[in-house]
Amino acid sequence: MGRRLAEALEGPSAWFDDDHLYRMVVKGRVDMTPEPSAEALRQLRLRHEASARLAQFYADHGFDFVYSDIVMGDDVARWLDSISGADVHLVVLSPSVDAIAARERGRGKTSYLDWFVPGRSLEDAIAALGEALDATPSRGLWLDTSTLTPEEAVAAILRDGMAASRYDRS
């Protein structure tokens, strides 16, 4: 959906997804889990720093940028506060657990498997990740996309000229 949002913006725009940075580590990658190792956290912070530098580069050259990732807790403010000289917006897509599970099953994705505990459901794994999201400061636009198509979600983000998603740095 991030790409669709970038395409809908009026001026020059760039989009990138954390998956690109995640897949760059081809040997020695350590995945995030509910109880991450020090190395998993280090690699997560490396991805966040790399993505912020890339975003800053494009912003410095007159582009709007859209970054798609799961960033939670204090990492949200750290990432957004690292961008200077640009209007910064935050959109948190927060569909229901059931909606996420149905989408994951439909796409055959395994994004939540590291959060999965054997003997528990995919919904339990998604709920566990959602608990981590609860620690995220509620700034910007939090959008329940449970029943929205990607096009409807983009329209909702753009509806008020993106005023609802403006990130307050205070």
Foldseek 3Di string as FASTA:
>chain_A
DQVVLQVPDDDAEEEDELVVVQVVPPPPADDDALDDDPVNVVSVVVSLVVVLVVCQVQVVVPYHYGYHDDDAAPSVLVSQVSHPPDFDFDEAEDAQLVLVVVVCVVVVHDVQVRQDDPPDDSSVSVVSVVVRRVNHDPAAHYHHCSPPDPVRVSCVCPVVPNPRGGGDSD
